[in-house]
Amino acid sequence: MKAILCEQFGLPESLVYRDIEPPLLKENQVVIAVEACGVNFPDLLVIQNKYQLKPELPFSPGGEVVGKVIQVGKSVGKFIVGDRVLALCSWGGLAELVAVDENRVFKLKEGIDPVKAASILYNYGTSFHALKDRANLKGGDRLLVLGATGGVGLAAVELGKIMGAKVIAAASSEEKLKLCVERGADEIINYKQEDLKQRVKELTSNEGVDVIFDPVGGKFTEQAFRAVAWGGRHLIVGFANGEIPKIPMNLPLLKGAAVVGVFWGQFSKVQVEQNLSNLEQLQDWMVEGKINGPQVQKYSLPNASDALHALMDRSKSNKGVVVL
């Protein structure tokens, strides 16, 4: 079968397109014929050996797969050959076939396009877990989204509106902020041109925001936290700018606020039923047309490294999906 392989850690240009042996099926796994594989920021990290999880070389990146089950292990009880599924496989998805543990595979509802599913459920799964399970976001809460046109950021903007929050979207250009408004943002901040802390206070009558969704890190983390309301929750989702921030720990004390970690990958393994319920809700909203999802750029499997290169270009907000 054909696959994109990481044979040595590095940037996307180090990936190679190879013929490899099909995956061996374990008794607790299903083999999926891949129809579409979403490209996400963790894929960039894992090929550079910078991710929390460390695969052995060689491996195929790609952790968000949509396709059909073609083989079922003898201990698998939830799936049969022919089921349309989403798989969260951490890596292995940029290939024609992938074997995935049963507890990382989820049935897709009728009427959901595979490309749309592969462009939505990974990022939206992360953001929904963050807002619902970690921040306990409620209707009327004021939500600040940093990096609001990134994969998880744009998802947080859309989901925040669905969940009834007042959404303030922060991004680095007017073009990006226009997309945030189209997806439902109530207010916008260009944090390249405006003082983030001061602008948040202006937009909230000096009260601050109840929830901060932060996939960016760096200097913006402290600036945002200084604008959190009493009892607020600051969600640490990731560090897209490459700098892990350090904030003065007197700030959470003085504001009675919480710094809350978000690691959806581990949550989905440890709290399987709750994650399944979340994915069911997201699929319902997809079928109902409440979730628009990102603008999608399709790539072929041989050109999958181009999708990862595009992900590195922060000026672009399209979601890359490799279609087989």
C-alpha atoms as a PDB file:
ATOM      1  CA  MET A   1       0.000   0.000   0.000  1.00  0.00           C
ATOM      2  CA  LYS A   2       1.025   3.633  -0.446  1.00  0.00           C
ATOM      3  CA  ALA A   3       1.881   5.847   2.516  1.00  0.00           C
ATOM      4  CA  ILE A   4       3.654   9.028   3.547  1.00  0.00           C
ATOM      5  CA  LEU A   5       6.517   8.107   5.868  1.00  0.00           C
ATOM      6  CA  CYS A   6       8.582   9.967   8.424  1.00  0.00           C
ATOM      7  CA  GLU A   7      11.907   8.094   8.330  1.00  0.00           C
ATOM      8  CA  GLN A   8      13.837  10.795  10.163  1.00  0.00           C
ATOM      9  CA  PHE A   9      12.524  13.611  12.337  1.00  0.00           C
ATOM     10  CA  GLY A  10      12.354  16.961  10.613  1.00  0.00           C
ATOM     11  CA  LEU A  11      10.211  19.377   8.623  1.00  0.00           C
ATOM     12  CA  PRO A  12       7.597  18.325   6.033  1.00  0.00           C
ATOM     13  CA  GLU A  13      10.116  18.191   3.179  1.00  0.00           C
ATOM     14  CA  SER A  14      11.811  15.263   4.909  1.00  0.00           C
ATOM     15  CA  LEU A  15       8.712  13.066   4.463  1.00  0.00           C
ATOM     16  CA  VAL A  16       8.754  10.429   1.715  1.00  0.00           C
ATOM     17  CA  TYR A  17       6.060   8.683  -0.346  1.00  0.00           C
ATOM     18  CA  ARG A  18       6.580   4.926  -0.205  1.00  0.00           C
ATOM     19  CA  ASP A  19       5.126   1.483  -0.870  1.00  0.00           C
ATOM     20  CA  ILE A  20       4.893  -0.307   2.485  1.00  0.00           C
ATOM     21  CA  GLU A  21       3.376  -3.488   3.854  1.00  0.00           C
ATOM     22  CA  PRO A  22      -0.292  -3.316   4.941  1.00  0.00           C
ATOM     23  CA  PRO A  23      -0.816  -3.019   8.712  1.00  0.00           C
ATOM     24  CA  LEU A  24      -1.060  -6.167  10.801  1.00  0.00           C
ATOM     25  CA  LEU A  25      -4.432  -6.513  12.510  1.00  0.00           C
ATOM     26  CA  LYS A  26      -4.452  -7.034  16.284  1.00  0.00           C
ATOM     27  CA  GLU A  27      -7.438  -8.643  17.973  1.00  0.00           C
ATOM     28  CA  ASN A  28      -8.650  -5.344  19.464  1.00  0.00           C
ATOM     29  CA  GLN A  29      -8.290  -3.346  16.224  1.00  0.00           C
ATOM     30  CA  VAL A  30     -10.059  -2.584  12.987  1.00  0.00           C
ATOM     31  CA  VAL A  31      -8.382  -1.863   9.656  1.00  0.00           C
ATOM     32  CA  ILE A  32      -9.758   1.204   7.893  1.00  0.00           C
ATOM     33  CA  ALA A  33      -9.542   2.043   4.191  1.00  0.00           C
ATOM     34  CA  VAL A  34      -8.773   5.738   4.451  1.00  0.00           C
ATOM     35  CA  GLU A  35     -10.971   8.137   2.475  1.00  0.00           C
ATOM     36  CA  ALA A  36      -9.766  11.395   4.026  1.00  0.00           C
ATOM     37  CA  CYS A  37      -7.210  12.434   6.633  1.00  0.00           C
ATOM     38  CA  GLY A  38      -7.246  15.837   8.304  1.00  0.00           C
ATOM     39  CA  VAL A  39      -3.937  17.623   8.840  1.00  0.00           C
ATOM     40  CA  ASN A  40      -3.499  19.199  12.257  1.00  0.00           C
ATOM     41  CA  PHE A  41      -0.867  21.078  14.253  1.00  0.00           C
ATOM     42  CA  PRO A  42       0.135  17.973  16.270  1.00  0.00           C
ATOM     43  CA  ASP A  43       1.184  16.358  12.965  1.00  0.00           C
ATOM     44  CA  LEU A  44       3.815  19.073  12.581  1.00  0.00           C
ATOM     45  CA  LEU A  45       5.027  18.487  16.116  1.00  0.00           C
ATOM     46  CA  VAL A  46       5.165  14.705  15.894  1.00  0.00           C
ATOM     47  CA  ILE A  47       7.313  14.649  12.727  1.00  0.00           C
ATOM     48  CA  GLN A  48       9.796  16.952  14.510  1.00  0.00           C
ATOM     49  CA  ASN A  49       9.795  14.808  17.684  1.00  0.00           C
ATOM     50  CA  LYS A  50       8.290  17.718  19.639  1.00  0.00           C
ATOM     51  CA  TYR A  51       4.950  16.131  20.567  1.00  0.00           C
ATOM     52  CA  GLN A  52       3.979  14.669  23.959  1.00  0.00           C
ATOM     53  CA  LEU A  53       3.666  11.231  22.338  1.00  0.00           C
ATOM     54  CA  LYS A  54       6.752   9.747  20.643  1.00  0.00           C
ATOM     55  CA  PRO A  55       6.289   7.206  17.828  1.00  0.00           C
ATOM     56  CA  GLU A  56       9.144   4.986  16.728  1.00  0.00           C
ATOM     57  CA  LEU A  57      10.631   5.600  13.290  1.00  0.00           C
ATOM     58  CA  PRO A  58       9.524   5.026  10.618  1.00  0.00           C
ATOM     59  CA  PHE A  59       5.870   6.039  10.920  1.00  0.00           C
ATOM     60  CA  SER A  60       3.173   7.764   8.937  1.00  0.00           C
ATOM     61  CA  PRO A  61       1.785  11.001  10.419  1.00  0.00           C
ATOM     62  CA  GLY A  62      -1.920  11.785  10.385  1.00  0.00           C
ATOM     63  CA  GLY A  63      -4.168  11.366  13.406  1.00  0.00           C
ATOM     64  CA  GLU A  64      -7.671  12.196  12.124  1.00  0.00           C
ATOM     65  CA  VAL A  65      -8.966   9.603   9.670  1.00  0.00           C
ATOM     66  CA  VAL A  66     -12.314   9.006   8.027  1.00  0.00           C
ATOM     67  CA  GLY A  67     -12.997   5.840   6.063  1.00  0.00           C
ATOM     68  CA  LYS A  68     -14.620   2.404   5.968  1.00  0.00           C
ATOM     69  CA  VAL A  69     -13.854  -0.632   8.100  1.00  0.00           C
ATOM     70  CA  ILE A  70     -12.492  -3.468   5.951  1.00  0.00           C
ATOM     71  CA  GLN A  71     -11.208  -5.847   8.665  1.00  0.00           C
ATOM     72  CA  VAL A  72     -12.278  -6.486  12.253  1.00  0.00           C
ATOM     73  CA  GLY A  73     -10.190  -8.063  15.013  1.00  0.00           C
ATOM     74  CA  LYS A  74     -11.633 -11.082  16.803  1.00  0.00           C
ATOM     75  CA  SER A  75     -12.269  -9.236  20.094  1.00  0.00           C
ATOM     76  CA  VAL A  76     -13.946  -6.204  18.455  1.00  0.00           C
ATOM     77  CA  GLY A  77     -17.651  -5.936  19.216  1.00  0.00           C
ATOM     78  CA  LYS A  78     -18.694  -2.435  18.152  1.00  0.00           C
ATOM     79  CA  PHE A  79     -17.921  -2.509  14.432  1.00  0.00           C
ATOM     80  CA  ILE A  80     -18.515  -4.614  11.357  1.00  0.00           C
ATOM     81  CA  VAL A  81     -16.983  -4.544   7.890  1.00  0.00           C
ATOM     82  CA  GLY A  82     -18.500  -1.666   5.925  1.00  0.00           C
ATOM     83  CA  ASP A  83     -19.044   0.742   8.837  1.00  0.00           C
ATOM     84  CA  ARG A  84     -18.191   4.376   8.076  1.00  0.00           C
ATOM     85  CA  VAL A  85     -16.013   5.656  10.879  1.00  0.00           C
ATOM     86  CA  LEU A  86     -13.842   8.412  12.264  1.00  0.00           C
ATOM     87  CA  ALA A  87     -10.602   7.256  13.888  1.00  0.00           C
ATOM     88  CA  LEU A  88      -8.359   9.232  16.213  1.00  0.00           C
ATOM     89  CA  CYS A  89      -5.152   7.313  15.710  1.00  0.00           C
ATOM     90  CA  SER A  90      -2.423   9.803  16.800  1.00  0.00           C
ATOM     91  CA  TRP A  91      -0.408   8.812  13.697  1.00  0.00           C
ATOM     92  CA  GLY A  92      -0.640   6.394  10.784  1.00  0.00           C
ATOM     93  CA  GLY A  93      -3.428   8.148   8.884  1.00  0.00           C
ATOM     94  CA  LEU A  94      -1.519   9.388   5.834  1.00  0.00           C
ATOM     95  CA  ALA A  95      -1.720   5.954   4.234  1.00  0.00           C
ATOM     96  CA  GLU A  96      -4.183   3.915   2.230  1.00  0.00           C
ATOM     97  CA  LEU A  97      -4.871   1.628   5.207  1.00  0.00           C
ATOM     98  CA  VAL A  98      -4.528   2.103   8.950  1.00  0.00           C
ATOM     99  CA  ALA A  99      -5.102  -0.249  11.898  1.00  0.00           C
ATOM    100  CA  VAL A 100      -6.653   1.466  14.914  1.00  0.00           C
ATOM    101  CA  ASP A 101      -7.642   0.267  18.380  1.00  0.00           C
ATOM    102  CA  GLU A 102     -11.402  -0.155  18.717  1.00  0.00           C
ATOM    103  CA  ASN A 103     -11.670   2.420  21.524  1.00  0.00           C
ATOM    104  CA  ARG A 104     -10.215   5.111  19.207  1.00  0.00           C
ATOM    105  CA  VAL A 105     -12.809   4.531  16.460  1.00  0.00           C
ATOM    106  CA  PHE A 106     -16.261   6.147  16.279  1.00  0.00           C
ATOM    107  CA  LYS A 107     -19.181   5.575  13.932  1.00  0.00           C
ATOM    108  CA  LEU A 108     -20.138   8.428  11.624  1.00  0.00           C
ATOM    109  CA  LYS A 109     -23.765   9.427  11.277  1.00  0.00           C
ATOM    110  CA  GLU A 110     -25.500   9.206   7.901  1.00  0.00           C
ATOM    111  CA  GLY A 111     -25.258  12.305   5.736  1.00  0.00           C
ATOM    112  CA  ILE A 112     -21.848  13.507   6.924  1.00  0.00           C
ATOM    113  CA  ASP A 113     -19.371  14.010   4.090  1.00  0.00           C
ATOM    114  CA  PRO A 114     -16.007  12.318   4.803  1.00  0.00           C
ATOM    115  CA  VAL A 115     -13.977  15.404   3.870  1.00  0.00           C
ATOM    116  CA  LYS A 116     -16.089  17.575   6.155  1.00  0.00           C
ATOM    117  CA  ALA A 117     -15.782  15.050   8.973  1.00  0.00           C
ATOM    118  CA  ALA A 118     -12.004  14.946   8.561  1.00  0.00           C
ATOM    119  CA  SER A 119     -11.874  18.744   8.632  1.00  0.00           C
ATOM    120  CA  ILE A 120     -13.976  19.187  11.759  1.00  0.00           C
ATOM    121  CA  LEU A 121     -14.017  16.525  14.420  1.00  0.00           C
ATOM    122  CA  TYR A 122     -10.381  16.662  15.635  1.00  0.00           C
ATOM    123  CA  ASN A 123     -10.264  20.421  16.191  1.00  0.00           C
ATOM    124  CA  TYR A 124     -13.872  20.685  17.283  1.00  0.00           C
ATOM    125  CA  GLY A 125     -13.471  17.712  19.608  1.00  0.00           C
ATOM    126  CA  THR A 126     -10.594  19.525  21.320  1.00  0.00           C
ATOM    127  CA  SER A 127     -12.431  22.835  21.552  1.00  0.00           C
ATOM    128  CA  PHE A 128     -15.731  21.340  22.716  1.00  0.00           C
ATOM    129  CA  HIS A 129     -13.954  19.380  25.461  1.00  0.00           C
ATOM    130  CA  ALA A 130     -12.162  22.574  26.501  1.00  0.00           C
ATOM    131  CA  LEU A 131     -15.267  24.759  26.640  1.00  0.00           C
ATOM    132  CA  LYS A 132     -17.737  22.184  27.976  1.00  0.00           C
ATOM    133  CA  ASP A 133     -15.740  19.901  30.254  1.00  0.00           C
ATOM    134  CA  ARG A 134     -12.855  22.091  31.407  1.00  0.00           C
ATOM    135  CA  ALA A 135     -14.323  25.608  31.440  1.00  0.00           C
ATOM    136  CA  ASN A 136     -17.980  24.747  32.100  1.00  0.00           C
ATOM    137  CA  LEU A 137     -18.921  27.483  29.635  1.00  0.00           C
ATOM    138  CA  LYS A 138     -22.439  28.792  30.195  1.00  0.00           C
ATOM    139  CA  GLY A 139     -24.816  30.954  28.207  1.00  0.00           C
ATOM    140  CA  GLY A 140     -23.940  34.605  28.748  1.00  0.00           C
ATOM    141  CA  ASP A 141     -20.278  33.954  29.620  1.00  0.00           C
ATOM    142  CA  ARG A 142     -17.741  36.226  27.968  1.00  0.00           C
ATOM    143  CA  LEU A 143     -15.284  34.094  25.981  1.00  0.00           C
ATOM    144  CA  LEU A 144     -11.962  35.377  24.645  1.00  0.00           C
ATOM    145  CA  VAL A 145     -10.443  33.211  21.885  1.00  0.00           C
ATOM    146  CA  LEU A 146      -6.772  33.727  21.091  1.00  0.00           C
ATOM    147  CA  GLY A 147      -5.466  32.531  17.728  1.00  0.00           C
ATOM    148  CA  ALA A 148      -9.071  32.635  16.626  1.00  0.00           C
ATOM    149  CA  THR A 149      -8.524  31.571  13.016  1.00  0.00           C
ATOM    150  CA  GLY A 150      -6.337  28.583  13.796  1.00  0.00           C
ATOM    151  CA  GLY A 151      -7.920  25.127  13.710  1.00  0.00           C
ATOM    152  CA  VAL A 152      -9.008  24.916  17.344  1.00  0.00           C
ATOM    153  CA  GLY A 153      -9.486  28.683  17.628  1.00  0.00           C
ATOM    154  CA  LEU A 154     -12.059  28.943  14.859  1.00  0.00           C
ATOM    155  CA  ALA A 155     -13.787  25.894  16.302  1.00  0.00           C
ATOM    156  CA  ALA A 156     -13.946  27.646  19.682  1.00  0.00           C
ATOM    157  CA  VAL A 157     -15.500  30.731  18.074  1.00  0.00           C
ATOM    158  CA  GLU A 158     -18.256  28.669  16.446  1.00  0.00           C
ATOM    159  CA  LEU A 159     -18.887  26.451  19.439  1.00  0.00           C
ATOM    160  CA  GLY A 160     -18.852  29.367  21.849  1.00  0.00           C
ATOM    161  CA  LYS A 161     -21.702  30.963  19.910  1.00  0.00           C
ATOM    162  CA  ILE A 162     -23.655  27.705  19.742  1.00  0.00           C
ATOM    163  CA  MET A 163     -23.246  27.381  23.519  1.00  0.00           C
ATOM    164  CA  GLY A 164     -24.565  30.902  24.113  1.00  0.00           C
ATOM    165  CA  ALA A 165     -21.409  32.819  25.001  1.00  0.00           C
ATOM    166  CA  LYS A 166     -20.447  36.339  23.987  1.00  0.00           C
ATOM    167  CA  VAL A 167     -17.374  35.672  21.846  1.00  0.00           C
ATOM    168  CA  ILE A 168     -14.403  38.021  21.532  1.00  0.00           C
ATOM    169  CA  ALA A 169     -12.053  36.789  18.804  1.00  0.00           C
ATOM    170  CA  ALA A 170      -8.387  37.844  18.792  1.00  0.00           C
ATOM    171  CA  ALA A 171      -6.160  37.340  15.756  1.00  0.00           C
ATOM    172  CA  SER A 172      -3.250  38.982  13.956  1.00  0.00           C
ATOM    173  CA  SER A 173      -4.797  40.493  10.822  1.00  0.00           C
ATOM    174  CA  GLU A 174      -7.962  42.153   9.588  1.00  0.00           C
ATOM    175  CA  GLU A 175      -8.466  39.419   6.987  1.00  0.00           C
ATOM    176  CA  LYS A 176      -8.419  36.763   9.702  1.00  0.00           C
ATOM    177  CA  LEU A 177     -10.763  38.757  11.910  1.00  0.00           C
ATOM    178  CA  LYS A 178     -13.252  39.083   9.074  1.00  0.00           C
ATOM    179  CA  LEU A 179     -13.495  35.278   9.022  1.00  0.00           C
ATOM    180  CA  CYS A 180     -14.150  35.309  12.782  1.00  0.00           C
ATOM    181  CA  VAL A 181     -17.064  37.694  12.311  1.00  0.00           C
ATOM    182  CA  GLU A 182     -18.472  35.438   9.582  1.00  0.00           C
ATOM    183  CA  ARG A 183     -18.355  32.534  12.067  1.00  0.00           C
ATOM    184  CA  GLY A 184     -20.225  34.444  14.757  1.00  0.00           C
ATOM    185  CA  ALA A 185     -17.735  36.499  16.789  1.00  0.00           C
ATOM    186  CA  ASP A 186     -19.437  39.378  18.603  1.00  0.00           C
ATOM    187  CA  GLU A 187     -16.263  41.458  18.991  1.00  0.00           C
ATOM    188  CA  ILE A 188     -12.782  41.309  17.481  1.00  0.00           C
ATOM    189  CA  ILE A 189      -9.282  42.341  18.545  1.00  0.00           C
ATOM    190  CA  ASN A 190      -6.256  42.699  16.294  1.00  0.00           C
ATOM    191  CA  TYR A 191      -3.536  41.929  18.811  1.00  0.00           C
ATOM    192  CA  LYS A 192      -0.821  42.988  16.409  1.00  0.00           C
ATOM    193  CA  GLN A 193      -2.184  46.536  16.446  1.00  0.00           C
ATOM    194  CA  GLU A 194      -4.114  46.811  19.733  1.00  0.00           C
ATOM    195  CA  ASP A 195      -3.244  46.304  23.390  1.00  0.00           C
ATOM    196  CA  LEU A 196      -4.903  42.971  24.167  1.00  0.00           C
ATOM    197  CA  LYS A 197      -5.469  43.538  27.890  1.00  0.00           C
ATOM    198  CA  GLN A 198      -6.766  47.077  27.474  1.00  0.00           C
ATOM    199  CA  ARG A 199      -9.052  46.226  24.568  1.00  0.00           C
ATOM    200  CA  VAL A 200     -10.610  43.285  26.436  1.00  0.00           C
ATOM    201  CA  LYS A 201     -11.367  45.545  29.397  1.00  0.00           C
ATOM    202  CA  GLU A 202     -12.920  48.132  27.080  1.00  0.00           C
ATOM    203  CA  LEU A 203     -15.151  45.502  25.455  1.00  0.00           C
ATOM    204  CA  THR A 204     -16.291  44.129  28.829  1.00  0.00           C
ATOM    205  CA  SER A 205     -16.911  47.427  30.669  1.00  0.00           C
ATOM    206  CA  ASN A 206     -13.737  46.783  32.672  1.00  0.00           C
ATOM    207  CA  GLU A 207     -15.103  43.495  34.062  1.00  0.00           C
ATOM    208  CA  GLY A 208     -12.901  41.104  32.080  1.00  0.00           C
ATOM    209  CA  VAL A 209     -13.720  37.798  30.417  1.00  0.00           C
ATOM    210  CA  ASP A 210     -15.022  34.664  32.097  1.00  0.00           C
ATOM    211  CA  VAL A 211     -13.164  32.175  29.892  1.00  0.00           C
ATOM    212  CA  ILE A 212      -9.942  32.488  27.891  1.00  0.00           C
ATOM    213  CA  PHE A 213      -9.260  29.900  25.181  1.00  0.00           C
ATOM    214  CA  ASP A 214      -5.502  29.949  24.601  1.00  0.00           C
ATOM    215  CA  PRO A 215      -3.839  27.749  21.971  1.00  0.00           C
ATOM    216  CA  VAL A 216      -1.121  30.357  21.337  1.00  0.00           C
ATOM    217  CA  GLY A 217       1.081  30.808  24.404  1.00  0.00           C
ATOM    218  CA  GLY A 218       3.997  33.222  24.489  1.00  0.00           C
ATOM    219  CA  LYS A 219       3.485  36.804  25.596  1.00  0.00           C
ATOM    220  CA  PHE A 220      -0.245  36.786  24.875  1.00  0.00           C
ATOM    221  CA  THR A 221      -0.988  34.364  27.708  1.00  0.00           C
ATOM    222  CA  GLU A 222      -0.111  36.808  30.482  1.00  0.00           C
ATOM    223  CA  GLN A 223      -1.676  39.749  28.642  1.00  0.00           C
ATOM    224  CA  ALA A 224      -4.949  37.834  28.347  1.00  0.00           C
ATOM    225  CA  PHE A 225      -4.874  36.526  31.920  1.00  0.00           C
ATOM    226  CA  ARG A 226      -4.520  40.070  33.244  1.00  0.00           C
ATOM    227  CA  ALA A 227      -7.934  40.729  31.649  1.00  0.00           C
ATOM    228  CA  VAL A 228      -9.704  37.713  33.183  1.00  0.00           C
ATOM    229  CA  ALA A 229     -12.757  38.304  35.357  1.00  0.00           C
ATOM    230  CA  TRP A 230     -13.056  37.256  39.005  1.00  0.00           C
ATOM    231  CA  GLY A 231     -13.482  33.483  39.045  1.00  0.00           C
ATOM    232  CA  GLY A 232     -12.448  33.189  35.408  1.00  0.00           C
ATOM    233  CA  ARG A 233     -10.954  30.148  33.689  1.00  0.00           C
ATOM    234  CA  HIS A 234      -7.896  30.314  31.440  1.00  0.00           C
ATOM    235  CA  LEU A 235      -7.727  27.276  29.164  1.00  0.00           C
ATOM    236  CA  ILE A 236      -4.190  26.215  28.207  1.00  0.00           C
ATOM    237  CA  VAL A 237      -4.748  24.415  24.894  1.00  0.00           C
ATOM    238  CA  GLY A 238      -1.323  24.655  23.256  1.00  0.00           C
ATOM    239  CA  PHE A 239       1.664  26.785  22.351  1.00  0.00           C
ATOM    240  CA  ALA A 240       1.348  27.519  18.637  1.00  0.00           C
ATOM    241  CA  ASN A 241       3.917  30.307  18.705  1.00  0.00           C
ATOM    242  CA  GLY A 242       6.514  27.922  20.098  1.00  0.00           C
ATOM    243  CA  GLU A 243       7.030  29.622  23.470  1.00  0.00           C
ATOM    244  CA  ILE A 244       5.724  28.064  26.681  1.00  0.00           C
ATOM    245  CA  PRO A 245       4.691  31.063  28.824  1.00  0.00           C
ATOM    246  CA  LYS A 246       5.437  31.736  32.476  1.00  0.00           C
ATOM    247  CA  ILE A 247       2.960  33.893  34.361  1.00  0.00           C
ATOM    248  CA  PRO A 248       3.256  35.375  37.866  1.00  0.00           C
ATOM    249  CA  MET A 249       1.296  33.001  40.090  1.00  0.00           C
ATOM    250  CA  ASN A 250      -0.051  35.842  42.206  1.00  0.00           C
ATOM    251  CA  LEU A 251      -2.405  36.620  39.299  1.00  0.00           C
ATOM    252  CA  PRO A 252      -4.641  33.522  39.745  1.00  0.00           C
ATOM    253  CA  LEU A 253      -4.694  34.249  43.495  1.00  0.00           C
ATOM    254  CA  LEU A 254      -5.707  37.897  43.144  1.00  0.00           C
ATOM    255  CA  LYS A 255      -8.408  37.119  40.591  1.00  0.00           C
ATOM    256  CA  GLY A 256      -9.716  33.929  42.195  1.00  0.00           C
ATOM    257  CA  ALA A 257      -9.123  32.463  38.741  1.00  0.00           C
ATOM    258  CA  ALA A 258      -8.100  29.041  37.458  1.00  0.00           C
ATOM    259  CA  VAL A 259      -5.453  28.016  34.935  1.00  0.00           C
ATOM    260  CA  VAL A 260      -6.881  24.863  33.363  1.00  0.00           C
ATOM    261  CA  GLY A 261      -5.008  22.374  31.184  1.00  0.00           C
ATOM    262  CA  VAL A 262      -6.659  20.882  28.095  1.00  0.00           C
ATOM    263  CA  PHE A 263      -5.311  17.596  26.692  1.00  0.00           C
ATOM    264  CA  TRP A 264      -8.088  16.151  24.584  1.00  0.00           C
ATOM    265  CA  GLY A 265      -6.037  13.197  23.386  1.00  0.00           C
ATOM    266  CA  GLN A 266      -5.630  11.833  26.898  1.00  0.00           C
ATOM    267  CA  PHE A 267      -9.185  12.775  27.901  1.00  0.00           C
ATOM    268  CA  SER A 268     -10.543  10.770  24.972  1.00  0.00           C
ATOM    269  CA  LYS A 269      -8.657   7.696  26.211  1.00  0.00           C
ATOM    270  CA  VAL A 270      -9.390   8.037  29.937  1.00  0.00           C
ATOM    271  CA  GLN A 271     -12.993   9.291  29.778  1.00  0.00           C
ATOM    272  CA  VAL A 272     -14.141   7.287  26.785  1.00  0.00           C
ATOM    273  CA  GLU A 273     -17.902   7.535  27.297  1.00  0.00           C
ATOM    274  CA  GLN A 274     -17.855  11.275  27.913  1.00  0.00           C
ATOM    275  CA  ASN A 275     -15.758  11.796  24.785  1.00  0.00           C
ATOM    276  CA  LEU A 276     -18.153   9.618  22.801  1.00  0.00           C
ATOM    277  CA  SER A 277     -21.065  11.752  24.022  1.00  0.00           C
ATOM    278  CA  ASN A 278     -19.216  14.894  22.943  1.00  0.00           C
ATOM    279  CA  LEU A 279     -18.561  13.498  19.455  1.00  0.00           C
ATOM    280  CA  GLU A 280     -22.225  12.486  19.152  1.00  0.00           C
ATOM    281  CA  GLN A 281     -23.249  16.059  19.966  1.00  0.00           C
ATOM    282  CA  LEU A 282     -20.819  17.492  17.431  1.00  0.00           C
ATOM    283  CA  GLN A 283     -22.116  15.151  14.738  1.00  0.00           C
ATOM    284  CA  ASP A 284     -25.706  16.161  15.539  1.00  0.00           C
ATOM    285  CA  TRP A 285     -24.763  19.817  15.116  1.00  0.00           C
ATOM    286  CA  MET A 286     -23.057  18.965  11.805  1.00  0.00           C
ATOM    287  CA  VAL A 287     -26.165  17.205  10.505  1.00  0.00           C
ATOM    288  CA  GLU A 288     -28.332  20.115  11.688  1.00  0.00           C
ATOM    289  CA  GLY A 289     -26.081  22.601   9.877  1.00  0.00           C
ATOM    290  CA  LYS A 290     -25.125  24.492  13.039  1.00  0.00           C
ATOM    291  CA  ILE A 291     -21.410  23.870  12.500  1.00  0.00           C
ATOM    292  CA  ASN A 292     -19.927  25.328   9.325  1.00  0.00           C
ATOM    293  CA  GLY A 293     -16.372  24.141   9.839  1.00  0.00           C
ATOM    294  CA  PRO A 294     -13.264  25.629   8.263  1.00  0.00           C
ATOM    295  CA  GLN A 295     -12.592  26.367   4.627  1.00  0.00           C
ATOM    296  CA  VAL A 296     -10.949  23.228   3.229  1.00  0.00           C
ATOM    297  CA  GLN A 297      -7.980  22.785   0.918  1.00  0.00           C
ATOM    298  CA  LYS A 298      -7.758  19.266  -0.520  1.00  0.00           C
ATOM    299  CA  TYR A 299      -4.475  17.468  -1.213  1.00  0.00           C
ATOM    300  CA  SER A 300      -3.604  14.103  -2.751  1.00  0.00           C
ATOM    301  CA  LEU A 301      -1.631  11.557  -0.722  1.00  0.00           C
ATOM    302  CA  PRO A 302       1.619  12.047  -2.716  1.00  0.00           C
ATOM    303  CA  ASN A 303       1.363  15.793  -1.993  1.00  0.00           C
ATOM    304  CA  ALA A 304       0.525  15.472   1.703  1.00  0.00           C
ATOM    305  CA  SER A 305       3.737  17.271   2.717  1.00  0.00           C
ATOM    306  CA  ASP A 306       2.331  20.371   0.978  1.00  0.00           C
ATOM    307  CA  ALA A 307      -0.601  20.285   3.412  1.00  0.00           C
ATOM    308  CA  LEU A 308       1.841  20.315   6.324  1.00  0.00           C
ATOM    309  CA  HIS A 309       3.808  23.181   4.758  1.00  0.00           C
ATOM    310  CA  ALA A 310       0.569  25.165   4.447  1.00  0.00           C
ATOM    311  CA  LEU A 311      -0.128  24.500   8.121  1.00  0.00           C
ATOM    312  CA  MET A 312       3.184  26.167   8.972  1.00  0.00           C
ATOM    313  CA  ASP A 313       2.111  29.309   7.096  1.00  0.00           C
ATOM    314  CA  ARG A 314       0.189  31.260   9.747  1.00  0.00           C
ATOM    315  CA  SER A 315      -1.206  33.622   7.082  1.00  0.00           C
ATOM    316  CA  LYS A 316      -3.426  30.813   5.778  1.00  0.00           C
ATOM    317  CA  SER A 317      -6.558  29.632   7.572  1.00  0.00           C
ATOM    318  CA  ASN A 318      -7.728  26.829   5.255  1.00  0.00           C
ATOM    319  CA  LYS A 319      -7.849  23.359   6.780  1.00  0.00           C
ATOM    320  CA  GLY A 320      -5.782  20.816   4.875  1.00  0.00           C
ATOM    321  CA  VAL A 321      -7.435  17.469   4.157  1.00  0.00           C
ATOM    322  CA  VAL A 322      -5.637  14.686   2.296  1.00  0.00           C
ATOM    323  CA  VAL A 323      -8.126  12.824   0.112  1.00  0.00           C
ATOM    324  CA  LEU A 324      -7.476   9.282  -1.098  1.00  0.00           C
END
